[in-house]
Amino acid sequence: MFIYKCAKVMYTALACSSLLLATNNASAANLPCVQRWVNWNSTSGIKFISFSLVALHSPSNIAAYSSTGKLVNCPGNQCLKSQYWVETLISDRSFTHPNSPVGGFGFNQPFDVDRPILIWVDSIPNDSAGKVRMHQAQGSYAFTPRCVGNMLVGDDQYGNHWTMGFKIPDIKL
């Protein structure tokens, strides 16, 4: 009877651990929209790709936009990271719609070009087990990425919804 109970406990532990391992392996899915660019950077003579990003915050409706970023491969070709700081425009909070009770347009554009923030992309992983990590002087952002076509999307810890698009640089001979 003792041997039967020991065998039953070992079988249960083995079954549960194999389910746990299968779940962990299944959750780390490849991100084809990132892996494609990592592979291109590895074989290209240019060694960077361009990207743009948009972030929309809910419920404040503040937006961020950048179209000047360049990404290079991380050591080991497991992720992408910034080549340099990226100027990012933030929607101007003093901007008002002409039909607003406050009235009229503010003096600044809807995106305040006079005060961009600088964002650094720390890592964009090539699988969904990792998080996209970015930072700026006032804080950092992290979100679990997912591919939607050729774009990468996700929601960070502050309620920002991020969308990133990628482009192979124009090659001029």
N, C-alpha and C. Protein backbone atom coordinates (compact mmCIF):
# COMPACT_ATOMS: atom_id res chain seq x y z
N MET A 1 0.82 -1.20 0.00
CA MET A 1 0.00 0.00 0.00
C MET A 1 0.87 1.27 0.00
N PHE A 2 1.97 1.24 0.76
CA PHE A 2 2.87 2.38 0.82
C PHE A 2 3.47 2.66 -0.56
N ILE A 3 3.88 1.63 -1.27
CA ILE A 3 4.46 1.78 -2.60
C ILE A 3 3.43 2.38 -3.56
N TYR A 4 2.17 1.95 -3.44
CA TYR A 4 1.10 2.47 -4.29
C TYR A 4 0.92 3.97 -4.05
N LYS A 5 0.91 4.41 -2.77
CA LYS A 5 0.73 5.83 -2.44
C LYS A 5 1.91 6.66 -2.96
N CYS A 6 3.13 6.13 -2.79
CA CYS A 6 4.32 6.84 -3.29
C CYS A 6 4.27 6.99 -4.81
N ALA A 7 3.89 5.91 -5.49
CA ALA A 7 3.79 5.94 -6.95
C ALA A 7 2.73 6.94 -7.39
N LYS A 8 1.61 7.00 -6.67
CA LYS A 8 0.52 7.91 -7.01
C LYS A 8 0.98 9.37 -6.84
N VAL A 9 1.69 9.66 -5.75
CA VAL A 9 2.18 11.02 -5.51
C VAL A 9 3.20 11.41 -6.58
N MET A 10 4.12 10.50 -6.91
CA MET A 10 5.13 10.79 -7.93
C MET A 10 4.48 11.00 -9.30
N TYR A 11 3.48 10.18 -9.63
CA TYR A 11 2.79 10.32 -10.91
C TYR A 11 2.08 11.67 -10.99
N THR A 12 1.39 12.05 -9.90
CA THR A 12 0.68 13.34 -9.86
C THR A 12 1.67 14.49 -10.01
N ALA A 13 2.79 14.43 -9.29
CA ALA A 13 3.81 15.48 -9.38
C ALA A 13 4.37 15.57 -10.80
N LEU A 14 4.64 14.43 -11.41
CA LEU A 14 5.18 14.40 -12.76
C LEU A 14 4.17 14.98 -13.76
N ALA A 15 2.91 14.60 -13.63
CA ALA A 15 1.87 15.11 -14.54
C ALA A 15 1.72 16.62 -14.40
N CYS A 16 1.69 17.12 -13.16
CA CYS A 16 1.53 18.56 -12.93
C CYS A 16 2.74 19.33 -13.44
N SER A 17 3.94 18.81 -13.19
CA SER A 17 5.14 19.53 -13.63
C SER A 17 5.23 19.55 -15.16
N SER A 18 4.83 18.48 -15.82
CA SER A 18 4.89 18.49 -17.29
C SER A 18 3.86 19.46 -17.86
N LEU A 19 2.70 19.59 -17.22
CA LEU A 19 1.71 20.58 -17.67
C LEU A 19 2.24 21.99 -17.47
N LEU A 20 2.90 22.22 -16.34
CA LEU A 20 3.46 23.53 -16.06
C LEU A 20 4.54 23.88 -17.08
N LEU A 21 5.42 22.94 -17.37
CA LEU A 21 6.46 23.19 -18.37
C LEU A 21 5.87 23.42 -19.75
N ALA A 22 4.86 22.67 -20.11
CA ALA A 22 4.22 22.85 -21.41
C ALA A 22 3.58 24.23 -21.50
N THR A 23 2.96 24.68 -20.41
CA THR A 23 2.34 26.00 -20.39
C THR A 23 3.39 27.08 -20.53
N ASN A 24 4.50 26.96 -19.81
CA ASN A 24 5.56 27.97 -19.90
C ASN A 24 6.15 28.03 -21.30
N ASN A 25 6.38 26.89 -21.93
CA ASN A 25 6.94 26.88 -23.27
C ASN A 25 5.97 27.46 -24.29
N ALA A 26 4.69 27.19 -24.13
CA ALA A 26 3.70 27.68 -25.08
C ALA A 26 3.51 29.18 -24.97
N SER A 27 3.75 29.77 -23.78
CA SER A 27 3.50 31.18 -23.60
C SER A 27 4.58 32.05 -24.25
N ALA A 28 5.74 31.51 -24.55
CA ALA A 28 6.82 32.28 -25.15
C ALA A 28 6.79 32.12 -26.67
N ALA A 29 5.78 32.68 -27.29
CA ALA A 29 5.63 32.56 -28.74
C ALA A 29 6.56 33.52 -29.47
N ASN A 30 7.04 33.09 -30.60
CA ASN A 30 7.88 33.92 -31.44
C ASN A 30 7.07 35.13 -31.93
N LEU A 31 7.70 36.29 -32.01
CA LEU A 31 7.06 37.48 -32.55
C LEU A 31 7.61 37.70 -33.96
N PRO A 32 6.89 37.24 -35.00
CA PRO A 32 7.44 37.31 -36.36
C PRO A 32 7.72 38.73 -36.82
N CYS A 33 6.95 39.71 -36.36
CA CYS A 33 7.18 41.09 -36.80
C CYS A 33 8.49 41.65 -36.24
N VAL A 34 8.99 41.09 -35.14
CA VAL A 34 10.29 41.50 -34.60
C VAL A 34 11.40 40.62 -35.15
N GLN A 35 11.17 39.31 -35.17
CA GLN A 35 12.20 38.38 -35.63
C GLN A 35 12.62 38.68 -37.06
N ARG A 36 11.68 39.10 -37.90
CA ARG A 36 11.99 39.46 -39.29
C ARG A 36 13.04 40.56 -39.33
N TRP A 37 12.90 41.58 -38.46
CA TRP A 37 13.82 42.72 -38.47
C TRP A 37 15.15 42.35 -37.82
N VAL A 38 15.12 41.51 -36.79
CA VAL A 38 16.37 41.03 -36.19
C VAL A 38 17.18 40.27 -37.24
N ASN A 39 16.51 39.39 -37.99
CA ASN A 39 17.18 38.63 -39.05
C ASN A 39 17.72 39.56 -40.13
N TRP A 40 16.93 40.56 -40.53
CA TRP A 40 17.37 41.49 -41.56
C TRP A 40 18.61 42.25 -41.09
N ASN A 41 18.59 42.74 -39.84
CA ASN A 41 19.76 43.44 -39.30
C ASN A 41 21.00 42.56 -39.28
N SER A 42 20.81 41.27 -39.03
CA SER A 42 21.95 40.35 -38.95
C SER A 42 22.62 40.15 -40.30
N THR A 43 21.84 40.20 -41.37
CA THR A 43 22.39 39.90 -42.70
C THR A 43 22.61 41.14 -43.56
N SER A 44 22.02 42.26 -43.18
CA SER A 44 22.10 43.48 -43.98
C SER A 44 23.44 44.18 -43.75
N GLY A 45 23.89 44.91 -44.75
CA GLY A 45 25.08 45.73 -44.59
C GLY A 45 24.80 47.02 -43.86
N ILE A 46 23.52 47.40 -43.74
CA ILE A 46 23.15 48.66 -43.11
C ILE A 46 23.10 48.53 -41.59
N LYS A 47 22.59 47.44 -41.09
CA LYS A 47 22.58 47.09 -39.66
C LYS A 47 21.64 47.91 -38.79
N PHE A 48 20.66 48.58 -39.36
CA PHE A 48 19.62 49.22 -38.54
C PHE A 48 18.33 49.24 -39.33
N ILE A 49 17.23 49.38 -38.60
CA ILE A 49 15.93 49.60 -39.24
C ILE A 49 15.33 50.85 -38.63
N SER A 50 14.46 51.49 -39.37
CA SER A 50 13.76 52.68 -38.88
C SER A 50 12.47 52.25 -38.21
N PHE A 51 12.02 53.06 -37.26
CA PHE A 51 10.73 52.77 -36.65
C PHE A 51 10.02 54.07 -36.31
N SER A 52 8.71 53.97 -36.20
CA SER A 52 7.90 55.07 -35.69
C SER A 52 7.04 54.50 -34.58
N LEU A 53 6.61 55.37 -33.69
CA LEU A 53 5.75 54.91 -32.60
C LEU A 53 4.69 55.94 -32.30
N VAL A 54 3.58 55.44 -31.82
CA VAL A 54 2.47 56.26 -31.36
C VAL A 54 2.02 55.68 -30.03
N ALA A 55 1.76 56.55 -29.07
CA ALA A 55 1.20 56.11 -27.80
C ALA A 55 -0.02 56.97 -27.51
N LEU A 56 -1.10 56.33 -27.13
CA LEU A 56 -2.32 57.04 -26.74
C LEU A 56 -2.62 56.67 -25.30
N HIS A 57 -2.86 57.67 -24.47
CA HIS A 57 -3.14 57.42 -23.06
C HIS A 57 -4.63 57.55 -22.79
N SER A 58 -5.16 56.60 -22.07
CA SER A 58 -6.56 56.66 -21.66
C SER A 58 -6.57 56.73 -20.14
N PRO A 59 -7.29 57.59 -19.53
CA PRO A 59 -8.38 58.43 -20.03
C PRO A 59 -8.00 59.85 -20.40
N SER A 60 -6.73 60.26 -20.32
CA SER A 60 -6.37 61.67 -20.52
C SER A 60 -6.39 62.11 -21.98
N ASN A 61 -6.35 61.16 -22.93
CA ASN A 61 -6.31 61.45 -24.36
C ASN A 61 -5.04 62.18 -24.79
N ILE A 62 -3.98 62.10 -24.00
CA ILE A 62 -2.69 62.64 -24.39
C ILE A 62 -2.04 61.64 -25.34
N ALA A 63 -1.40 62.15 -26.38
CA ALA A 63 -0.77 61.29 -27.38
C ALA A 63 0.72 61.60 -27.49
N ALA A 64 1.48 60.60 -27.91
CA ALA A 64 2.90 60.77 -28.20
C ALA A 64 3.16 60.24 -29.60
N TYR A 65 4.09 60.88 -30.31
CA TYR A 65 4.38 60.47 -31.68
C TYR A 65 5.87 60.65 -31.98
N SER A 66 6.46 59.67 -32.62
CA SER A 66 7.84 59.78 -33.07
C SER A 66 7.98 59.02 -34.38
N SER A 67 8.78 59.58 -35.29
CA SER A 67 9.00 58.88 -36.57
C SER A 67 10.46 58.85 -36.95
N THR A 68 11.34 59.09 -36.01
CA THR A 68 12.75 59.24 -36.36
C THR A 68 13.66 58.18 -35.76
N GLY A 69 13.10 57.11 -35.23
CA GLY A 69 13.93 56.15 -34.50
C GLY A 69 14.69 55.18 -35.39
N LYS A 70 15.82 54.72 -34.86
CA LYS A 70 16.60 53.66 -35.51
C LYS A 70 16.87 52.59 -34.47
N LEU A 71 16.72 51.33 -34.89
CA LEU A 71 16.94 50.19 -34.00
C LEU A 71 18.06 49.32 -34.54
N VAL A 72 18.88 48.83 -33.62
CA VAL A 72 19.95 47.88 -33.95
C VAL A 72 19.70 46.61 -33.14
N ASN A 73 20.39 45.54 -33.50
CA ASN A 73 20.25 44.29 -32.76
C ASN A 73 20.97 44.37 -31.42
N CYS A 74 20.38 43.74 -30.41
CA CYS A 74 21.05 43.54 -29.13
C CYS A 74 22.14 42.49 -29.32
N PRO A 75 23.13 42.45 -28.44
CA PRO A 75 24.11 41.36 -28.51
C PRO A 75 23.39 40.01 -28.43
N GLY A 76 23.78 39.08 -29.27
CA GLY A 76 23.14 37.77 -29.31
C GLY A 76 21.94 37.70 -30.23
N ASN A 77 21.56 38.82 -30.86
CA ASN A 77 20.44 38.86 -31.82
C ASN A 77 19.12 38.35 -31.25
N GLN A 78 18.85 38.63 -29.97
CA GLN A 78 17.60 38.21 -29.35
C GLN A 78 16.59 39.35 -29.22
N CYS A 79 17.01 40.57 -29.56
CA CYS A 79 16.10 41.72 -29.42
C CYS A 79 16.62 42.88 -30.26
N LEU A 80 15.83 43.93 -30.31
CA LEU A 80 16.21 45.19 -30.94
C LEU A 80 16.32 46.25 -29.86
N LYS A 81 17.15 47.27 -30.08
CA LYS A 81 17.30 48.37 -29.12
C LYS A 81 17.61 49.65 -29.88
N SER A 82 17.49 50.78 -29.19
CA SER A 82 17.76 52.07 -29.82
C SER A 82 19.21 52.21 -30.23
N GLN A 83 19.39 52.91 -31.35
CA GLN A 83 20.74 53.30 -31.75
C GLN A 83 21.08 54.65 -31.12
N TYR A 84 20.07 55.46 -30.86
CA TYR A 84 20.24 56.76 -30.20
C TYR A 84 18.88 57.20 -29.63
N TRP A 85 18.88 58.28 -28.87
CA TRP A 85 17.65 58.83 -28.31
C TRP A 85 16.72 59.26 -29.44
N VAL A 86 15.42 59.11 -29.22
CA VAL A 86 14.42 59.43 -30.23
C VAL A 86 13.58 60.61 -29.75
N GLU A 87 13.55 61.69 -30.54
CA GLU A 87 12.70 62.83 -30.20
C GLU A 87 11.25 62.43 -30.39
N THR A 88 10.46 62.63 -29.36
CA THR A 88 9.07 62.21 -29.36
C THR A 88 8.20 63.41 -29.02
N LEU A 89 7.23 63.68 -29.86
CA LEU A 89 6.32 64.81 -29.63
C LEU A 89 5.17 64.36 -28.74
N ILE A 90 4.80 65.20 -27.81
CA ILE A 90 3.68 64.95 -26.91
C ILE A 90 2.59 65.96 -27.24
N SER A 91 1.34 65.50 -27.24
CA SER A 91 0.25 66.44 -27.54
C SER A 91 0.24 67.54 -26.50
N ASP A 92 -0.02 68.74 -26.98
CA ASP A 92 0.02 69.92 -26.12
C ASP A 92 -1.26 69.99 -25.30
N ARG A 93 -1.12 69.97 -24.01
CA ARG A 93 -2.29 69.96 -23.12
C ARG A 93 -3.01 71.30 -23.09
N SER A 94 -2.35 72.36 -23.57
CA SER A 94 -3.01 73.67 -23.57
C SER A 94 -3.81 73.91 -24.84
N PHE A 95 -3.70 72.99 -25.80
CA PHE A 95 -4.43 73.12 -27.06
C PHE A 95 -5.92 72.90 -26.81
N THR A 96 -6.76 73.77 -27.33
CA THR A 96 -8.20 73.61 -27.18
C THR A 96 -8.88 73.64 -28.54
N HIS A 97 -9.95 72.93 -28.63
CA HIS A 97 -10.73 72.88 -29.87
C HIS A 97 -11.50 74.18 -30.02
N PRO A 98 -11.72 74.66 -31.27
CA PRO A 98 -12.44 75.93 -31.46
C PRO A 98 -13.85 75.91 -30.87
N ASN A 99 -14.50 74.75 -30.78
CA ASN A 99 -15.85 74.67 -30.22
C ASN A 99 -15.84 74.43 -28.72
N SER A 100 -14.67 74.43 -28.12
CA SER A 100 -14.55 74.18 -26.68
C SER A 100 -15.13 75.36 -25.90
N PRO A 101 -15.75 75.10 -24.71
CA PRO A 101 -16.24 76.21 -23.88
C PRO A 101 -15.12 77.15 -23.48
N VAL A 102 -13.87 76.64 -23.41
CA VAL A 102 -12.73 77.50 -23.08
C VAL A 102 -12.48 78.46 -24.24
N GLY A 103 -12.75 77.98 -25.45
CA GLY A 103 -12.70 78.83 -26.63
C GLY A 103 -11.35 78.89 -27.32
N GLY A 104 -11.42 78.84 -28.64
CA GLY A 104 -10.27 79.09 -29.50
C GLY A 104 -9.12 78.11 -29.41
N PHE A 105 -8.17 78.34 -30.30
CA PHE A 105 -6.96 77.54 -30.33
C PHE A 105 -5.92 78.19 -29.43
N GLY A 106 -5.10 77.33 -28.82
CA GLY A 106 -3.97 77.85 -28.06
C GLY A 106 -2.89 78.34 -29.02
N PHE A 107 -1.82 78.86 -28.46
CA PHE A 107 -0.74 79.38 -29.29
C PHE A 107 0.16 78.27 -29.83
N ASN A 108 0.10 77.10 -29.22
CA ASN A 108 0.95 75.99 -29.66
C ASN A 108 0.18 75.05 -30.59
N GLN A 109 0.93 74.24 -31.30
CA GLN A 109 0.33 73.23 -32.16
C GLN A 109 -0.24 72.11 -31.29
N PRO A 110 -1.11 71.27 -31.88
CA PRO A 110 -1.62 70.13 -31.11
C PRO A 110 -0.49 69.25 -30.57
N PHE A 111 0.61 69.09 -31.33
CA PHE A 111 1.80 68.42 -30.82
C PHE A 111 2.84 69.50 -30.57
N ASP A 112 3.27 69.60 -29.36
CA ASP A 112 4.18 70.67 -28.95
C ASP A 112 5.59 70.39 -29.47
N VAL A 113 5.91 70.95 -30.64
CA VAL A 113 7.21 70.71 -31.27
C VAL A 113 8.34 71.43 -30.54
N ASP A 114 8.01 72.38 -29.68
CA ASP A 114 9.04 73.10 -28.94
C ASP A 114 9.57 72.31 -27.75
N ARG A 115 8.82 71.31 -27.29
CA ARG A 115 9.24 70.55 -26.10
C ARG A 115 9.11 69.04 -26.31
N PRO A 116 9.88 68.46 -27.24
CA PRO A 116 9.82 67.00 -27.39
C PRO A 116 10.50 66.32 -26.19
N ILE A 117 10.10 65.10 -25.92
CA ILE A 117 10.82 64.32 -24.92
C ILE A 117 11.70 63.32 -25.66
N LEU A 118 12.76 62.90 -25.02
CA LEU A 118 13.67 61.92 -25.61
C LEU A 118 13.36 60.56 -25.03
N ILE A 119 13.13 59.58 -25.91
CA ILE A 119 12.84 58.21 -25.48
C ILE A 119 13.95 57.30 -25.99
N TRP A 120 14.33 56.36 -25.15
CA TRP A 120 15.32 55.33 -25.49
C TRP A 120 14.63 53.98 -25.42
N VAL A 121 14.73 53.19 -26.49
CA VAL A 121 14.19 51.83 -26.50
C VAL A 121 15.27 50.91 -25.94
N ASP A 122 15.04 50.39 -24.74
CA ASP A 122 16.01 49.50 -24.10
C ASP A 122 16.01 48.13 -24.75
N SER A 123 14.82 47.59 -25.04
CA SER A 123 14.76 46.29 -25.71
C SER A 123 13.36 46.03 -26.27
N ILE A 124 13.35 45.41 -27.44
CA ILE A 124 12.14 44.86 -28.04
C ILE A 124 12.47 43.38 -28.27
N PRO A 125 11.91 42.49 -27.46
CA PRO A 125 12.28 41.07 -27.56
C PRO A 125 11.71 40.42 -28.83
N ASN A 126 12.36 39.32 -29.25
CA ASN A 126 11.86 38.63 -30.43
C ASN A 126 10.87 37.53 -30.08
N ASP A 127 10.48 37.43 -28.81
CA ASP A 127 9.40 36.51 -28.42
C ASP A 127 8.55 37.18 -27.35
N SER A 128 7.37 36.64 -27.14
CA SER A 128 6.40 37.27 -26.24
C SER A 128 6.68 37.00 -24.77
N ALA A 129 7.74 36.26 -24.44
CA ALA A 129 8.07 36.02 -23.04
C ALA A 129 8.64 37.28 -22.39
N GLY A 130 9.28 38.14 -23.18
CA GLY A 130 9.86 39.37 -22.64
C GLY A 130 8.93 40.55 -22.81
N LYS A 131 9.33 41.67 -22.27
CA LYS A 131 8.56 42.91 -22.39
C LYS A 131 9.35 43.92 -23.20
N VAL A 132 8.63 44.75 -23.95
CA VAL A 132 9.26 45.90 -24.57
C VAL A 132 9.55 46.88 -23.45
N ARG A 133 10.77 47.38 -23.40
CA ARG A 133 11.17 48.31 -22.34
C ARG A 133 11.75 49.57 -22.97
N MET A 134 11.22 50.72 -22.52
CA MET A 134 11.67 52.03 -22.98
C MET A 134 11.78 52.94 -21.77
N HIS A 135 12.58 54.00 -21.90
CA HIS A 135 12.63 54.97 -20.81
C HIS A 135 12.89 56.38 -21.35
N GLN A 136 12.58 57.33 -20.50
CA GLN A 136 12.85 58.74 -20.74
C GLN A 136 13.24 59.34 -19.39
N ALA A 137 13.52 60.62 -19.35
CA ALA A 137 14.02 61.25 -18.12
C ALA A 137 13.05 61.14 -16.94
N GLN A 138 11.75 61.16 -17.21
CA GLN A 138 10.76 61.14 -16.13
C GLN A 138 10.22 59.76 -15.79
N GLY A 139 10.65 58.71 -16.47
CA GLY A 139 10.11 57.40 -16.14
C GLY A 139 10.44 56.35 -17.19
N SER A 140 9.90 55.17 -16.95
CA SER A 140 10.12 54.06 -17.88
C SER A 140 8.79 53.40 -18.20
N TYR A 141 8.76 52.69 -19.31
CA TYR A 141 7.56 52.03 -19.80
C TYR A 141 7.89 50.58 -20.12
N ALA A 142 6.95 49.69 -19.87
CA ALA A 142 7.13 48.27 -20.20
C ALA A 142 5.77 47.71 -20.62
N PHE A 143 5.77 46.94 -21.71
CA PHE A 143 4.54 46.28 -22.11
C PHE A 143 4.84 44.94 -22.76
N THR A 144 3.87 44.03 -22.64
CA THR A 144 3.97 42.73 -23.28
C THR A 144 3.59 42.92 -24.75
N PRO A 145 4.52 42.60 -25.66
CA PRO A 145 4.27 42.88 -27.08
C PRO A 145 3.45 41.80 -27.76
N ARG A 146 2.74 42.22 -28.81
CA ARG A 146 2.09 41.28 -29.71
C ARG A 146 2.12 41.89 -31.11
N CYS A 147 2.23 41.03 -32.10
CA CYS A 147 2.28 41.48 -33.49
C CYS A 147 0.87 41.60 -34.04
N VAL A 148 0.63 42.68 -34.75
CA VAL A 148 -0.59 42.85 -35.52
C VAL A 148 -0.11 43.20 -36.92
N GLY A 149 -0.04 42.18 -37.76
CA GLY A 149 0.59 42.36 -39.07
C GLY A 149 2.07 42.66 -38.88
N ASN A 150 2.54 43.75 -39.49
CA ASN A 150 3.94 44.16 -39.34
C ASN A 150 4.15 45.13 -38.19
N MET A 151 3.12 45.39 -37.41
CA MET A 151 3.24 46.33 -36.30
C MET A 151 3.29 45.60 -34.97
N LEU A 152 3.87 46.28 -33.99
CA LEU A 152 3.97 45.75 -32.64
C LEU A 152 3.10 46.62 -31.75
N VAL A 153 2.24 46.01 -30.94
CA VAL A 153 1.34 46.77 -30.08
C VAL A 153 1.39 46.22 -28.66
N GLY A 154 0.94 47.05 -27.72
CA GLY A 154 0.84 46.62 -26.33
C GLY A 154 0.43 47.77 -25.43
N ASP A 155 0.01 47.42 -24.23
CA ASP A 155 -0.43 48.40 -23.23
C ASP A 155 0.52 48.38 -22.05
N ASP A 156 0.99 49.56 -21.63
CA ASP A 156 1.94 49.61 -20.53
C ASP A 156 1.25 49.79 -19.18
N GLN A 157 2.06 49.93 -18.15
CA GLN A 157 1.57 49.98 -16.78
C GLN A 157 0.85 51.29 -16.45
N TYR A 158 0.93 52.31 -17.31
CA TYR A 158 0.31 53.60 -17.05
C TYR A 158 -0.98 53.83 -17.84
N GLY A 159 -1.38 52.87 -18.65
CA GLY A 159 -2.57 53.04 -19.47
C GLY A 159 -2.27 53.56 -20.87
N ASN A 160 -1.00 53.60 -21.25
CA ASN A 160 -0.64 53.99 -22.62
C ASN A 160 -0.79 52.80 -23.54
N HIS A 161 -1.38 53.01 -24.70
CA HIS A 161 -1.46 51.97 -25.73
C HIS A 161 -0.41 52.33 -26.79
N TRP A 162 0.58 51.47 -26.96
CA TRP A 162 1.69 51.70 -27.87
C TRP A 162 1.49 50.96 -29.18
N THR A 163 1.82 51.60 -30.28
CA THR A 163 1.88 50.97 -31.60
C THR A 163 3.21 51.37 -32.22
N MET A 164 3.95 50.37 -32.67
CA MET A 164 5.25 50.62 -33.31
C MET A 164 5.24 50.02 -34.71
N GLY A 165 5.68 50.81 -35.68
CA GLY A 165 5.82 50.35 -37.05
C GLY A 165 7.28 50.34 -37.44
N PHE A 166 7.68 49.42 -38.31
CA PHE A 166 9.08 49.24 -38.68
C PHE A 166 9.24 49.38 -40.19
N LYS A 167 10.43 49.85 -40.61
CA LYS A 167 10.69 50.05 -42.03
C LYS A 167 12.16 49.81 -42.31
N ILE A 168 12.42 49.08 -43.39
CA ILE A 168 13.79 48.93 -43.86
C ILE A 168 14.22 50.27 -44.43
N PRO A 169 15.42 50.74 -44.09
CA PRO A 169 15.87 52.05 -44.60
C PRO A 169 15.96 52.07 -46.12
N ASP A 170 15.73 53.24 -46.69
CA ASP A 170 15.91 53.41 -48.13
C ASP A 170 17.40 53.30 -48.45
N ILE A 171 17.72 52.49 -49.43
CA ILE A 171 19.11 52.31 -49.82
C ILE A 171 19.35 53.11 -51.09
N LYS A 172 20.25 54.08 -51.01
CA LYS A 172 20.57 54.91 -52.17
C LYS A 172 21.99 54.58 -52.60
N LEU A 173 22.12 54.18 -53.84
CA LEU A 173 23.45 53.83 -54.37
C LEU A 173 24.06 54.99 -55.10
